[in-house]
PDB file of all heavy atoms in Angstrom:
ATOM      1  N   SER A   1      94.600  95.886 165.622  1.00  0.00           N
ATOM      2  CA  SER A   1      96.045  95.834 165.371  1.00  0.00           C
ATOM      3  C   SER A   1      96.483  94.381 165.320  1.00  0.00           C
ATOM      4  O   SER A   1      95.877  93.509 165.940  1.00  0.00           O
ATOM      5  CB  SER A   1      96.825  96.578 166.457  1.00  0.00           C
ATOM      6  OG  SER A   1      96.578  96.005 167.732  1.00  0.00           O
ATOM      7  N   SER A   2      97.558  94.133 164.577  1.00  0.00           N
ATOM      8  CA  SER A   2      98.054  92.776 164.393  1.00  0.00           C
ATOM      9  C   SER A   2      99.106  92.438 165.433  1.00  0.00           C
ATOM     10  O   SER A   2      99.656  93.316 166.106  1.00  0.00           O
ATOM     11  CB  SER A   2      98.659  92.626 162.996  1.00  0.00           C
ATOM     12  OG  SER A   2      99.812  93.455 162.878  1.00  0.00           O
ATOM     13  N   ALA A   3      99.401  91.143 165.554  1.00  0.00           N
ATOM     14  CA  ALA A   3     100.459  90.712 166.464  1.00  0.00           C
ATOM     15  C   ALA A   3     101.800  91.292 166.039  1.00  0.00           C
ATOM     16  O   ALA A   3     102.629  91.659 166.882  1.00  0.00           O
ATOM     17  CB  ALA A   3     100.529  89.180 166.494  1.00  0.00           C
ATOM     18  N   GLN A   4     102.021  91.423 164.736  1.00  0.00           N
ATOM     19  CA  GLN A   4     103.279  91.976 164.245  1.00  0.00           C
ATOM     20  C   GLN A   4     103.433  93.441 164.650  1.00  0.00           C
ATOM     21  O   GLN A   4     104.519  93.888 165.013  1.00  0.00           O
ATOM     22  CB  GLN A   4     103.349  91.838 162.716  1.00  0.00           C
ATOM     23  CG  GLN A   4     103.518  90.410 162.206  1.00  0.00           C
ATOM     24  CD  GLN A   4     102.262  89.559 162.353  1.00  0.00           C
ATOM     25  OE1 GLN A   4     101.151  90.100 162.454  1.00  0.00           O
ATOM     26  NE2 GLN A   4     102.427  88.249 162.375  1.00  0.00           N
ATOM     27  N   GLU A   5     102.326  94.187 164.583  1.00  0.00           N
ATOM     28  CA  GLU A   5     102.389  95.598 164.967  1.00  0.00           C
ATOM     29  C   GLU A   5     102.661  95.741 166.464  1.00  0.00           C
ATOM     30  O   GLU A   5     103.446  96.580 166.890  1.00  0.00           O
ATOM     31  CB  GLU A   5     101.082  96.294 164.599  1.00  0.00           C
ATOM     32  CG  GLU A   5     101.112  97.788 164.885  1.00  0.00           C
ATOM     33  CD  GLU A   5      99.825  98.466 164.482  1.00  0.00           C
ATOM     34  OE1 GLU A   5      99.676  98.757 163.275  1.00  0.00           O
ATOM     35  OE2 GLU A   5      98.968  98.684 165.367  1.00  0.00           O
ATOM     36  N   ARG A   6     101.996  94.916 167.264  1.00  0.00           N
ATOM     37  CA  ARG A   6     102.234  94.977 168.702  1.00  0.00           C
ATOM     38  C   ARG A   6     103.667  94.577 169.043  1.00  0.00           C
ATOM     39  O   ARG A   6     104.292  95.158 169.931  1.00  0.00           O
ATOM     40  CB  ARG A   6     101.242  94.063 169.425  1.00  0.00           C
ATOM     41  CG  ARG A   6      99.807  94.579 169.399  1.00  0.00           C
ATOM     42  CD  ARG A   6      98.838  93.553 169.909  1.00  0.00           C
ATOM     43  NE  ARG A   6      97.481  94.069 169.969  1.00  0.00           N
ATOM     44  CZ  ARG A   6      96.404  93.328 170.177  1.00  0.00           C
ATOM     45  NH1 ARG A   6      96.535  92.013 170.340  1.00  0.00           N
ATOM     46  NH2 ARG A   6      95.208  93.871 170.233  1.00  0.00           N
ATOM     47  N   ALA A   7     104.177  93.583 168.330  1.00  0.00           N
ATOM     48  CA  ALA A   7     105.565  93.179 168.546  1.00  0.00           C
ATOM     49  C   ALA A   7     106.513  94.317 168.199  1.00  0.00           C
ATOM     50  O   ALA A   7     107.526  94.533 168.875  1.00  0.00           O
ATOM     51  CB  ALA A   7     105.888  91.935 167.718  1.00  0.00           C
ATOM     52  N   PHE A   8     106.197  95.063 167.142  1.00  0.00           N
ATOM     53  CA  PHE A   8     107.019  96.203 166.746  1.00  0.00           C
ATOM     54  C   PHE A   8     107.024  97.266 167.852  1.00  0.00           C
ATOM     55  O   PHE A   8     108.074  97.816 168.193  1.00  0.00           O
ATOM     56  CB  PHE A   8     106.473  96.783 165.440  1.00  0.00           C
ATOM     57  CG  PHE A   8     107.208  97.993 164.948  1.00  0.00           C
ATOM     58  CD1 PHE A   8     108.356  97.867 164.179  1.00  0.00           C
ATOM     59  CD2 PHE A   8     106.758  99.273 165.263  1.00  0.00           C
ATOM     60  CE1 PHE A   8     109.042  98.988 163.729  1.00  0.00           C
ATOM     61  CE2 PHE A   8     107.430 100.397 164.823  1.00  0.00           C
ATOM     62  CZ  PHE A   8     108.581 100.251 164.051  1.00  0.00           C
ATOM     63  N   LEU A   9     105.849  97.573 168.404  1.00  0.00           N
ATOM     64  CA  LEU A   9     105.766  98.569 169.470  1.00  0.00           C
ATOM     65  C   LEU A   9     106.510  98.099 170.716  1.00  0.00           C
ATOM     66  O   LEU A   9     107.190  98.883 171.384  1.00  0.00           O
ATOM     67  CB  LEU A   9     104.303  98.856 169.812  1.00  0.00           C
ATOM     68  CG  LEU A   9     103.493  99.587 168.740  1.00  0.00           C
ATOM     69  CD1 LEU A   9     102.024  99.672 169.147  1.00  0.00           C
ATOM     70  CD2 LEU A   9     104.058 100.981 168.500  1.00  0.00           C
ATOM     71  N   LEU A  10     106.392  96.820 171.034  1.00  0.00           N
ATOM     72  CA  LEU A  10     107.107  96.284 172.189  1.00  0.00           C
ATOM     73  C   LEU A  10     108.607  96.409 172.007  1.00  0.00           C
ATOM     74  O   LEU A  10     109.342  96.712 172.955  1.00  0.00           O
ATOM     75  CB  LEU A  10     106.708  94.814 172.412  1.00  0.00           C
ATOM     76  CG  LEU A  10     107.474  94.027 173.476  1.00  0.00           C
ATOM     77  CD1 LEU A  10     107.434  94.727 174.830  1.00  0.00           C
ATOM     78  CD2 LEU A  10     106.905  92.621 173.589  1.00  0.00           C
ATOM     79  N   ALA A  11     109.069  96.215 170.794  1.00  0.00           N
ATOM     80  CA  ALA A  11     110.502  96.259 170.539  1.00  0.00           C
ATOM     81  C   ALA A  11     111.038  97.674 170.369  1.00  0.00           C
ATOM     82  O   ALA A  11     112.197  97.956 170.712  1.00  0.00           O
ATOM     83  CB  ALA A  11     110.835  95.429 169.294  1.00  0.00           C
ATOM     84  N   HIS A  12     110.205  98.623 169.854  1.00  0.00           N
ATOM     85  CA  HIS A  12     110.738  99.923 169.447  1.00  0.00           C
ATOM     86  C   HIS A  12     110.100 101.156 170.086  1.00  0.00           C
ATOM     87  O   HIS A  12     110.717 102.231 170.042  1.00  0.00           O
ATOM     88  CB  HIS A  12     110.609 100.069 167.924  1.00  0.00           C
ATOM     89  CG  HIS A  12     111.356  99.033 167.147  1.00  0.00           C
ATOM     90  ND1 HIS A  12     112.726  98.992 167.084  1.00  0.00           N
ATOM     91  CD2 HIS A  12     110.909  97.981 166.413  1.00  0.00           C
ATOM     92  CE1 HIS A  12     113.102  97.960 166.333  1.00  0.00           C
ATOM     93  NE2 HIS A  12     112.020  97.336 165.918  1.00  0.00           N
ATOM     94  N   ASP A  13     108.903 101.044 170.607  1.00  0.00           N
ATOM     95  CA  ASP A  13     108.232 102.243 171.111  1.00  0.00           C
ATOM     96  C   ASP A  13     109.032 102.870 172.251  1.00  0.00           C
ATOM     97  O   ASP A  13     109.573 102.166 173.111  1.00  0.00           O
ATOM     98  CB  ASP A  13     106.823 101.890 171.601  1.00  0.00           C
ATOM     99  CG  ASP A  13     105.914 103.107 171.654  1.00  0.00           C
ATOM    100  OD1 ASP A  13     106.417 104.236 171.551  1.00  0.00           O
ATOM    101  OD2 ASP A  13     104.696 102.925 171.803  1.00  0.00           O
ATOM    102  N   THR A  14     109.088 104.193 172.257  1.00  0.00           N
ATOM    103  CA  THR A  14     109.812 104.895 173.318  1.00  0.00           C
ATOM    104  C   THR A  14     108.916 105.191 174.514  1.00  0.00           C
ATOM    105  O   THR A  14     109.409 105.654 175.547  1.00  0.00           O
ATOM    106  CB  THR A  14     110.366 106.233 172.789  1.00  0.00           C
ATOM    107  OG1 THR A  14     109.277 107.025 172.268  1.00  0.00           O
ATOM    108  CG2 THR A  14     111.392 105.993 171.696  1.00  0.00           C
ATOM    109  N   ASP A  15     107.631 104.935 174.380  1.00  0.00           N
ATOM    110  CA  ASP A  15     106.709 105.201 175.481  1.00  0.00           C
ATOM    111  C   ASP A  15     106.578 103.956 176.357  1.00  0.00           C
ATOM    112  O   ASP A  15     106.126 102.904 175.874  1.00  0.00           O
ATOM    113  CB  ASP A  15     105.335 105.593 174.941  1.00  0.00           C
ATOM    114  CG  ASP A  15     104.358 105.903 176.062  1.00  0.00           C
ATOM    115  OD1 ASP A  15     104.556 106.914 176.751  1.00  0.00           O
ATOM    116  OD2 ASP A  15     103.414 105.115 176.256  1.00  0.00           O
ATOM    117  N   PRO A  16     106.939 104.035 177.620  1.00  0.00           N
ATOM    118  CA  PRO A  16     106.902 102.845 178.490  1.00  0.00           C
ATOM    119  C   PRO A  16     105.518 102.248 178.636  1.00  0.00           C
ATOM    120  O   PRO A  16     105.362 101.026 178.641  1.00  0.00           O
ATOM    121  CB  PRO A  16     107.433 103.369 179.832  1.00  0.00           C
ATOM    122  CG  PRO A  16     108.215 104.591 179.499  1.00  0.00           C
ATOM    123  CD  PRO A  16     107.511 105.194 178.319  1.00  0.00           C
ATOM    124  N   PHE A  17     104.488 103.095 178.756  1.00  0.00           N
ATOM    125  CA  PHE A  17     103.145 102.555 178.940  1.00  0.00           C
ATOM    126  C   PHE A  17     102.713 101.741 177.728  1.00  0.00           C
ATOM    127  O   PHE A  17     102.220 100.617 177.854  1.00  0.00           O
ATOM    128  CB  PHE A  17     102.134 103.675 179.206  1.00  0.00           C
ATOM    129  CG  PHE A  17     100.711 103.177 179.251  1.00  0.00           C
ATOM    130  CD1 PHE A  17     100.229 102.541 180.379  1.00  0.00           C
ATOM    131  CD2 PHE A  17      99.881 103.304 178.145  1.00  0.00           C
ATOM    132  CE1 PHE A  17      98.931 102.047 180.418  1.00  0.00           C
ATOM    133  CE2 PHE A  17      98.583 102.811 178.177  1.00  0.00           C
ATOM    134  CZ  PHE A  17      98.108 102.191 179.318  1.00  0.00           C
ATOM    135  N   ASN A  18     102.883 102.299 176.537  1.00  0.00           N
ATOM    136  CA  ASN A  18     102.439 101.587 175.345  1.00  0.00           C
ATOM    137  C   ASN A  18     103.284 100.348 175.069  1.00  0.00           C
ATOM    138  O   ASN A  18     102.795  99.368 174.507  1.00  0.00           O
ATOM    139  CB  ASN A  18     102.453 102.525 174.135  1.00  0.00           C
ATOM    140  CG  ASN A  18     101.173 103.340 174.048  1.00  0.00           C
ATOM    141  OD1 ASN A  18     100.259 103.149 174.837  1.00  0.00           O
ATOM    142  ND2 ASN A  18     101.120 104.260 173.098  1.00  0.00           N
ATOM    143  N   ARG A  19     104.547 100.405 175.448  1.00  0.00           N
ATOM    144  CA  ARG A  19     105.398  99.223 175.281  1.00  0.00           C
ATOM    145  C   ARG A  19     104.867  98.093 176.166  1.00  0.00           C
ATOM    146  O   ARG A  19     104.757  96.938 175.730  1.00  0.00           O
ATOM    147  CB  ARG A  19     106.830  99.589 175.669  1.00  0.00           C
ATOM    148  CG  ARG A  19     107.889  98.770 174.969  1.00  0.00           C
ATOM    149  CD  ARG A  19     109.248  99.405 175.139  1.00  0.00           C
ATOM    150  NE  ARG A  19     110.229  98.749 174.296  1.00  0.00           N
ATOM    151  CZ  ARG A  19     111.474  99.159 174.142  1.00  0.00           C
ATOM    152  NH1 ARG A  19     111.884 100.250 174.755  1.00  0.00           N
ATOM    153  NH2 ARG A  19     112.309  98.500 173.356  1.00  0.00           N
ATOM    154  N   TRP A  20     104.558  98.437 177.410  1.00  0.00           N
ATOM    155  CA  TRP A  20     103.993  97.427 178.311  1.00  0.00           C
ATOM    156  C   TRP A  20     102.624  96.967 177.838  1.00  0.00           C
ATOM    157  O   TRP A  20     102.312  95.769 177.867  1.00  0.00           O
ATOM    158  CB  TRP A  20     103.881  98.015 179.719  1.00  0.00           C
ATOM    159  CG  TRP A  20     103.190  97.102 180.675  1.00  0.00           C
ATOM    160  CD1 TRP A  20     103.735  96.056 181.372  1.00  0.00           C
ATOM    161  CD2 TRP A  20     101.799  97.120 181.033  1.00  0.00           C
ATOM    162  NE1 TRP A  20     102.776  95.452 182.137  1.00  0.00           N
ATOM    163  CE2 TRP A  20     101.579  96.075 181.939  1.00  0.00           C
ATOM    164  CE3 TRP A  20     100.735  97.936 180.659  1.00  0.00           C
ATOM    165  CZ2 TRP A  20     100.330  95.817 182.499  1.00  0.00           C
ATOM    166  CZ3 TRP A  20      99.475  97.676 181.211  1.00  0.00           C
ATOM    167  CH2 TRP A  20      99.290  96.625 182.113  1.00  0.00           C
ATOM    168  N   GLU A  21     101.791  97.907 177.392  1.00  0.00           N
ATOM    169  CA  GLU A  21     100.447  97.569 176.920  1.00  0.00           C
ATOM    170  C   GLU A  21     100.521  96.614 175.729  1.00  0.00           C
ATOM    171  O   GLU A  21      99.714  95.678 175.612  1.00  0.00           O
ATOM    172  CB  GLU A  21      99.707  98.846 176.533  1.00  0.00           C
ATOM    173  CG  GLU A  21      98.265  98.641 176.110  1.00  0.00           C
ATOM    174  CD  GLU A  21      97.331  98.382 177.279  1.00  0.00           C
ATOM    175  OE1 GLU A  21      97.787  98.400 178.437  1.00  0.00           O
ATOM    176  OE2 GLU A  21      96.139  98.148 177.019  1.00  0.00           O
ATOM    177  N   ALA A  22     101.503  96.823 174.842  1.00  0.00           N
ATOM    178  CA  ALA A  22     101.663  95.936 173.689  1.00  0.00           C
ATOM    179  C   ALA A  22     102.034  94.530 174.137  1.00  0.00           C
ATOM    180  O   ALA A  22     101.505  93.539 173.620  1.00  0.00           O
ATOM    181  CB  ALA A  22     102.727  96.493 172.742  1.00  0.00           C
ATOM    182  N   SER A  23     102.930  94.435 175.100  1.00  0.00           N
ATOM    183  CA  SER A  23     103.336  93.112 175.588  1.00  0.00           C
ATOM    184  C   SER A  23     102.171  92.409 176.258  1.00  0.00           C
ATOM    185  O   SER A  23     101.974  91.199 176.099  1.00  0.00           O
ATOM    186  CB  SER A  23     104.507  93.235 176.567  1.00  0.00           C
ATOM    187  OG  SER A  23     104.098  93.771 177.808  1.00  0.00           O
ATOM    188  N   ARG A  24     101.375  93.183 177.010  1.00  0.00           N
ATOM    189  CA  ARG A  24     100.226  92.594 177.699  1.00  0.00           C
ATOM    190  C   ARG A  24      99.196  92.078 176.708  1.00  0.00           C
ATOM    191  O   ARG A  24      98.669  90.958 176.857  1.00  0.00           O
ATOM    192  CB  ARG A  24      99.602  93.665 178.592  1.00  0.00           C
ATOM    193  CG  ARG A  24      98.828  93.143 179.782  1.00  0.00           C
ATOM    194  CD  ARG A  24      99.771  92.602 180.812  1.00  0.00           C
ATOM    195  NE  ARG A  24      99.069  92.259 182.053  1.00  0.00           N
ATOM    196  CZ  ARG A  24      99.664  91.651 183.053  1.00  0.00           C
ATOM    197  NH1 ARG A  24     100.941  91.330 182.973  1.00  0.00           N
ATOM    198  NH2 ARG A  24      98.998  91.354 184.149  1.00  0.00           N
ATOM    199  N   ALA A  25      98.886  92.880 175.702  1.00  0.00           N
ATOM    200  CA  ALA A  25      97.890  92.488 174.705  1.00  0.00           C
ATOM    201  C   ALA A  25      98.351  91.260 173.926  1.00  0.00           C
ATOM    202  O   ALA A  25      97.554  90.354 173.637  1.00  0.00           O
ATOM    203  CB  ALA A  25      97.613  93.647 173.757  1.00  0.00           C
ATOM    204  N   MET A  26      99.643  91.208 173.593  1.00  0.00           N
ATOM    205  CA  MET A  26     100.163  90.047 172.875  1.00  0.00           C
ATOM    206  C   MET A  26     100.092  88.791 173.726  1.00  0.00           C
ATOM    207  O   MET A  26      99.708  87.718 173.250  1.00  0.00           O
ATOM    208  CB  MET A  26     101.619  90.299 172.448  1.00  0.00           C
ATOM    209  CG  MET A  26     101.778  91.329 171.362  1.00  0.00           C
ATOM    210  SD  MET A  26     103.504  91.467 170.849  1.00  0.00           S
ATOM    211  CE  MET A  26     103.716  89.915 169.982  1.00  0.00           C
ATOM    212  N   ALA A  27     100.447  88.914 174.993  1.00  0.00           N
ATOM    213  CA  ALA A  27     100.409  87.753 175.883  1.00  0.00           C
ATOM    214  C   ALA A  27      98.989  87.236 176.037  1.00  0.00           C
ATOM    215  O   ALA A  27      98.754  86.012 176.049  1.00  0.00           O
ATOM    216  CB  ALA A  27     101.004  88.122 177.240  1.00  0.00           C
ATOM    217  N   VAL A  28      98.023  88.146 176.155  1.00  0.00           N
ATOM    218  CA  VAL A  28      96.625  87.731 176.266  1.00  0.00           C
ATOM    219  C   VAL A  28      96.205  86.955 175.024  1.00  0.00           C
ATOM    220  O   VAL A  28      95.569  85.891 175.121  1.00  0.00           O
ATOM    221  CB  VAL A  28      95.717  88.959 176.485  1.00  0.00           C
ATOM    222  CG1 VAL A  28      94.245  88.583 176.280  1.00  0.00           C
ATOM    223  CG2 VAL A  28      95.918  89.533 177.880  1.00  0.00           C
ATOM    224  N   ASP A  29      96.551  87.446 173.842  1.00  0.00           N
ATOM    225  CA  ASP A  29      96.188  86.759 172.605  1.00  0.00           C
ATOM    226  C   ASP A  29      96.843  85.386 172.505  1.00  0.00           C
ATOM    227  O   ASP A  29      96.228  84.414 172.046  1.00  0.00           O
ATOM    228  CB  ASP A  29      96.574  87.608 171.396  1.00  0.00           C
ATOM    229  CG  ASP A  29      95.608  88.761 171.168  1.00  0.00           C
ATOM    230  OD1 ASP A  29      94.515  88.748 171.763  1.00  0.00           O
ATOM    231  OD2 ASP A  29      95.951  89.679 170.398  1.00  0.00           O
ATOM    232  N   VAL A  30      98.100  85.299 172.929  1.00  0.00           N
ATOM    233  CA  VAL A  30      98.788  84.002 172.908  1.00  0.00           C
ATOM    234  C   VAL A  30      98.098  83.032 173.857  1.00  0.00           C
ATOM    235  O   VAL A  30      97.845  81.869 173.517  1.00  0.00           O
ATOM    236  CB  VAL A  30     100.272  84.166 173.295  1.00  0.00           C
ATOM    237  CG1 VAL A  30     100.928  82.801 173.499  1.00  0.00           C
ATOM    238  CG2 VAL A  30     101.020  84.943 172.214  1.00  0.00           C
ATOM    239  N   LEU A  31      97.781  83.485 175.052  1.00  0.00           N
ATOM    240  CA  LEU A  31      97.160  82.614 176.045  1.00  0.00           C
ATOM    241  C   LEU A  31      95.759  82.177 175.634  1.00  0.00           C
ATOM    242  O   LEU A  31      95.302  81.096 176.010  1.00  0.00           O
ATOM    243  CB  LEU A  31      97.113  83.314 177.402  1.00  0.00           C
ATOM    244  CG  LEU A  31      98.478  83.513 178.073  1.00  0.00           C
ATOM    245  CD1 LEU A  31      98.362  84.414 179.291  1.00  0.00           C
ATOM    246  CD2 LEU A  31      99.086  82.171 178.473  1.00  0.00           C
ATOM    247  N   LEU A  32      95.089  83.005 174.861  1.00  0.00           N
ATOM    248  CA  LEU A  32      93.751  82.647 174.373  1.00  0.00           C
ATOM    249  C   LEU A  32      93.809  81.852 173.074  1.00  0.00           C
ATOM    250  O   LEU A  32      92.769  81.496 172.520  1.00  0.00           O
ATOM    251  CB  LEU A  32      92.904  83.907 174.173  1.00  0.00           C
ATOM    252  CG  LEU A  32      92.506  84.646 175.456  1.00  0.00           C
ATOM    253  CD1 LEU A  32      91.720  85.906 175.121  1.00  0.00           C
ATOM    254  CD2 LEU A  32      91.684  83.747 176.373  1.00  0.00           C
ATOM    255  N   GLY A  33      95.013  81.603 172.586  1.00  0.00           N
ATOM    256  CA  GLY A  33      95.161  80.819 171.366  1.00  0.00           C
ATOM    257  C   GLY A  33      94.862  81.582 170.103  1.00  0.00           C
ATOM    258  O   GLY A  33      94.695  80.984 169.030  1.00  0.00           O
ATOM    259  N   ALA A  34      94.812  82.930 170.193  1.00  0.00           N
ATOM    260  CA  ALA A  34      94.485  83.738 169.021  1.00  0.00           C
ATOM    261  C   ALA A  34      95.686  83.992 168.128  1.00  0.00           C
ATOM    262  O   ALA A  34      95.525  84.401 166.970  1.00  0.00           O
ATOM    263  CB  ALA A  34      93.879  85.072 169.460  1.00  0.00           C
TER     264      ALA A  34
END
């Protein structure tokens, strides 16, 4: 999945777990410079 897709889920998903999971995955990629 792309950063844009994860950002979309973080902004719009109604499921709390997946919203949090998207934010976590994006933060990991940012911190790793990806």
